[in-house]
Amino acid sequence: MRKSDFTKSRIIIESSNLFNTQGYKSTSLSEITEASGYTKGAIYRHFENKEALEIESLEYMSKLVLKTLSESIKKENNVFDKLNALFDFFCSYTNEPIIKGGCPLLNAAIEVDETETILKFKAKTFLNAIKISINKLLLNGIKYNQLKSDLDVEAFSTVIIASLEGAIMMSKLSNTNTDLRLVTKHLKNYIESYRK
């Protein structure tokens, strides 16, 4: 890796940790320089402005989440084990997050909900990528005769994401995994009712 690529990567990683724990707008450039060890000049050599850094940081976090999730799911052989891997991945956000601060999708969505910015567009893209992955997983379950064909894939994908993200928020506030465990148990029971 070239030195300039290493510098840019380090700035993105350190910024991601700050944005995901403190918020995009609450994080100052001074905090980013302190965390990364680079000057404002070095940051501006790699990013046009703070908004560009926010966008690249969310892209970095979304790629990391999607890659890690995909690796967990690919290890499993059937739709039920793949869904359990998905649920376990989301449950890990409270105890062993792959990025400090928990779910970067939830954190970004809360911060950009009233704005129409590139950051909001990137958060929507992140959400859509997760939904497409779950849709594909469920459609393959139907295709390979593991799930009944009358499962409403689009609706269930939405329920999975909304339930897990809501449970992450509740677990984060209560400092326990209780809500996540209850939600995943409910989702597992629901999908079992569609076992072929």
Protein backbone atom coordinates (compact mmCIF):
# COMPACT_ATOMS: atom_id res chain seq x y z
CA MET A 1 0.00 0.00 0.00
CA ARG A 2 1.35 3.41 -0.95
CA LYS A 3 1.94 5.92 1.83
CA SER A 4 -0.85 8.22 0.56
CA ASP A 5 -3.30 5.30 0.47
CA PHE A 6 -2.26 4.28 3.98
CA THR A 7 -2.77 7.85 5.22
CA LYS A 8 -6.22 8.11 3.64
CA SER A 9 -7.23 4.71 5.00
CA ARG A 10 -6.12 5.59 8.53
CA ILE A 11 -8.03 8.88 8.40
CA ILE A 12 -11.18 7.05 7.26
CA ILE A 13 -10.89 4.37 9.96
CA GLU A 14 -10.32 6.85 12.79
CA SER A 15 -13.06 9.16 11.48
CA SER A 16 -15.47 6.24 11.20
CA ASN A 17 -14.95 5.38 14.86
CA LEU A 18 -15.61 8.99 15.84
CA PHE A 19 -18.61 9.48 13.55
CA ASN A 20 -20.18 6.22 14.70
CA THR A 21 -19.75 6.97 18.41
CA GLN A 22 -20.21 10.76 18.56
CA GLY A 23 -22.21 11.53 15.42
CA TYR A 24 -21.22 13.04 12.09
CA LYS A 25 -22.07 16.64 12.89
CA SER A 26 -20.85 16.47 16.50
CA THR A 27 -17.37 15.32 15.51
CA SER A 28 -14.97 18.17 14.89
CA LEU A 29 -12.05 18.21 12.50
CA SER A 30 -9.78 18.80 15.50
CA GLU A 31 -10.96 15.50 17.02
CA ILE A 32 -10.25 13.76 13.73
CA THR A 33 -6.73 15.20 13.56
CA GLU A 34 -6.09 14.15 17.15
CA ALA A 35 -7.40 10.60 16.63
CA SER A 36 -5.66 10.05 13.28
CA GLY A 37 -2.41 11.81 14.12
CA TYR A 38 -2.59 13.84 10.89
CA THR A 39 -2.88 17.58 10.40
CA LYS A 40 -5.85 19.38 8.87
CA GLY A 41 -3.70 19.96 5.80
CA ALA A 42 -3.11 16.22 5.41
CA ILE A 43 -6.82 15.56 5.77
CA TYR A 44 -7.71 18.18 3.17
CA ARG A 45 -5.15 16.70 0.77
CA HIS A 46 -7.26 13.51 0.74
CA PHE A 47 -10.78 14.91 1.21
CA GLU A 48 -12.34 18.00 -0.33
CA ASN A 49 -14.16 18.82 2.91
CA LYS A 50 -15.58 17.21 6.04
CA GLU A 51 -18.71 16.10 4.20
CA ALA A 52 -16.58 14.12 1.74
CA LEU A 53 -14.86 12.44 4.70
CA GLU A 54 -18.26 11.64 6.27
CA ILE A 55 -19.43 10.03 3.03
CA GLU A 56 -16.28 7.93 2.57
CA SER A 57 -16.41 6.88 6.22
CA LEU A 58 -20.00 5.64 5.88
CA GLU A 59 -19.04 3.82 2.67
CA TYR A 60 -16.12 2.19 4.51
CA MET A 61 -18.38 1.11 7.39
CA SER A 62 -21.09 -0.21 5.07
CA LYS A 63 -18.55 -2.26 3.08
CA LEU A 64 -17.08 -3.67 6.30
CA VAL A 65 -20.53 -4.61 7.64
CA LEU A 66 -21.69 -6.16 4.35
CA LYS A 67 -18.43 -8.09 3.88
CA THR A 68 -18.48 -9.46 7.44
CA LEU A 69 -22.17 -10.33 7.19
CA SER A 70 -21.66 -12.03 3.82
CA GLU A 71 -18.77 -14.11 5.17
CA SER A 72 -20.91 -15.26 8.12
CA ILE A 73 -23.83 -16.22 5.90
CA LYS A 74 -21.73 -18.02 3.26
CA LYS A 75 -20.40 -20.46 5.86
CA GLU A 76 -23.88 -21.92 6.36
CA ASN A 77 -25.62 -24.51 4.20
CA ASN A 78 -29.36 -23.80 4.46
CA VAL A 79 -31.62 -20.78 4.73
CA PHE A 80 -32.36 -21.34 8.42
CA ASP A 81 -28.69 -21.46 9.43
CA LYS A 82 -27.98 -18.48 7.15
CA LEU A 83 -30.75 -16.48 8.84
CA ASN A 84 -29.41 -17.51 12.26
CA ALA A 85 -25.97 -16.21 11.16
CA LEU A 86 -27.64 -12.94 10.15
CA PHE A 87 -29.43 -12.67 13.50
CA ASP A 88 -26.24 -13.51 15.41
CA PHE A 89 -24.36 -10.86 13.46
CA PHE A 90 -26.87 -8.17 14.42
CA CYS A 91 -26.91 -9.39 18.05
CA SER A 92 -23.13 -8.94 18.19
CA TYR A 93 -23.48 -5.17 17.72
CA THR A 94 -24.12 -4.58 21.40
CA ASN A 95 -21.35 -6.81 22.81
CA GLU A 96 -18.72 -7.09 20.07
CA PRO A 97 -19.30 -4.42 17.44
CA ILE A 98 -17.06 -4.57 14.39
CA ILE A 99 -17.07 -0.77 14.51
CA LYS A 100 -17.10 1.24 17.73
CA GLY A 101 -20.51 2.72 18.49
CA GLY A 102 -22.72 -0.09 17.21
CA CYS A 103 -24.74 -0.23 14.03
CA PRO A 104 -23.50 2.37 11.54
CA LEU A 105 -26.73 2.14 9.53
CA LEU A 106 -28.88 2.94 12.55
CA ASN A 107 -26.55 5.72 13.68
CA ALA A 108 -26.42 7.35 10.24
CA ALA A 109 -30.17 7.00 9.70
CA ILE A 110 -30.97 8.76 12.96
CA GLU A 111 -28.65 11.64 12.17
CA VAL A 112 -29.77 12.22 8.57
CA ASP A 113 -33.50 11.56 8.90
CA GLU A 114 -34.55 15.18 8.31
CA THR A 115 -32.06 16.06 5.61
CA GLU A 116 -31.64 15.36 1.91
CA THR A 117 -27.89 14.98 1.63
CA ILE A 118 -25.42 12.67 -0.04
CA LEU A 119 -24.89 11.08 3.38
CA LYS A 120 -28.61 10.21 3.53
CA PHE A 121 -28.42 8.77 0.02
CA LYS A 122 -25.44 6.61 1.09
CA ALA A 123 -27.36 5.44 4.18
CA LYS A 124 -30.30 4.47 1.93
CA THR A 125 -27.89 2.62 -0.36
CA PHE A 126 -26.50 0.75 2.66
CA LEU A 127 -30.03 -0.18 3.79
CA ASN A 128 -30.95 -1.29 0.29
CA ALA A 129 -27.86 -3.53 0.06
CA ILE A 130 -28.84 -5.29 3.30
CA LYS A 131 -32.41 -5.71 2.10
CA ILE A 132 -31.29 -7.11 -1.26
CA SER A 133 -29.07 -9.63 0.55
CA ILE A 134 -31.93 -10.79 2.77
CA ASN A 135 -34.32 -10.97 -0.21
CA LYS A 136 -31.81 -13.12 -2.10
CA LEU A 137 -31.34 -15.38 0.91
CA LEU A 138 -35.12 -15.90 1.28
CA LEU A 139 -35.66 -16.36 -2.47
CA ASN A 140 -32.95 -19.02 -2.52
CA GLY A 141 -34.68 -20.72 0.41
CA ILE A 142 -37.84 -20.90 -1.69
CA LYS A 143 -35.95 -21.94 -4.83
CA TYR A 144 -34.23 -24.84 -3.03
CA ASN A 145 -37.46 -26.03 -1.38
CA GLN A 146 -36.48 -25.04 2.14
CA LEU A 147 -39.20 -22.38 2.48
CA LYS A 148 -42.83 -22.36 1.37
CA SER A 149 -43.43 -20.38 -1.79
CA ASP A 150 -46.17 -18.22 -0.23
CA LEU A 151 -43.66 -16.36 1.98
CA ASP A 152 -43.87 -12.64 1.20
CA VAL A 153 -40.14 -12.08 0.74
CA GLU A 154 -40.29 -8.28 0.44
CA ALA A 155 -42.46 -7.91 3.55
CA PHE A 156 -40.42 -10.33 5.64
CA SER A 157 -37.13 -8.64 4.67
CA THR A 158 -38.58 -5.33 5.84
CA VAL A 159 -39.79 -6.91 9.10
CA ILE A 160 -36.37 -8.49 9.73
CA ILE A 161 -34.49 -5.22 9.26
CA ALA A 162 -36.97 -3.05 11.16
CA SER A 163 -37.16 -5.54 14.03
CA LEU A 164 -33.40 -5.97 14.35
CA GLU A 165 -32.59 -2.27 14.07
CA GLY A 166 -35.32 -1.42 16.59
CA ALA A 167 -34.06 -4.10 18.95
CA ILE A 168 -30.49 -2.78 18.61
CA MET A 169 -31.71 0.67 19.63
CA MET A 170 -33.62 -0.76 22.60
CA SER A 171 -30.70 -2.96 23.69
CA LYS A 172 -28.32 -0.02 23.38
CA LEU A 173 -30.51 2.08 25.67
CA SER A 174 -30.99 -0.70 28.22
CA ASN A 175 -27.38 -1.96 28.06
CA THR A 176 -28.59 -5.56 27.69
CA ASN A 177 -29.17 -7.97 24.82
CA THR A 178 -32.62 -8.90 26.11
CA ASP A 179 -34.57 -7.08 23.41
CA LEU A 180 -32.38 -8.47 20.65
CA ARG A 181 -32.78 -12.00 21.99
CA LEU A 182 -36.58 -11.63 22.15
CA VAL A 183 -36.77 -10.22 18.63
CA THR A 184 -34.51 -12.86 17.11
CA LYS A 185 -36.46 -15.61 18.86
CA HIS A 186 -39.68 -14.22 17.39
CA LEU A 187 -38.16 -13.95 13.89
CA LYS A 188 -36.83 -17.53 14.11
CA ASN A 189 -40.26 -18.82 15.13
CA TYR A 190 -41.87 -16.91 12.28
CA ILE A 191 -39.52 -18.26 9.63
CA GLU A 192 -39.95 -21.79 11.04
CA SER A 193 -43.64 -21.51 10.21
CA TYR A 194 -42.60 -21.30 6.55
CA ARG A 195 -40.34 -24.38 6.66
CA LYS A 196 -41.18 -26.72 3.82
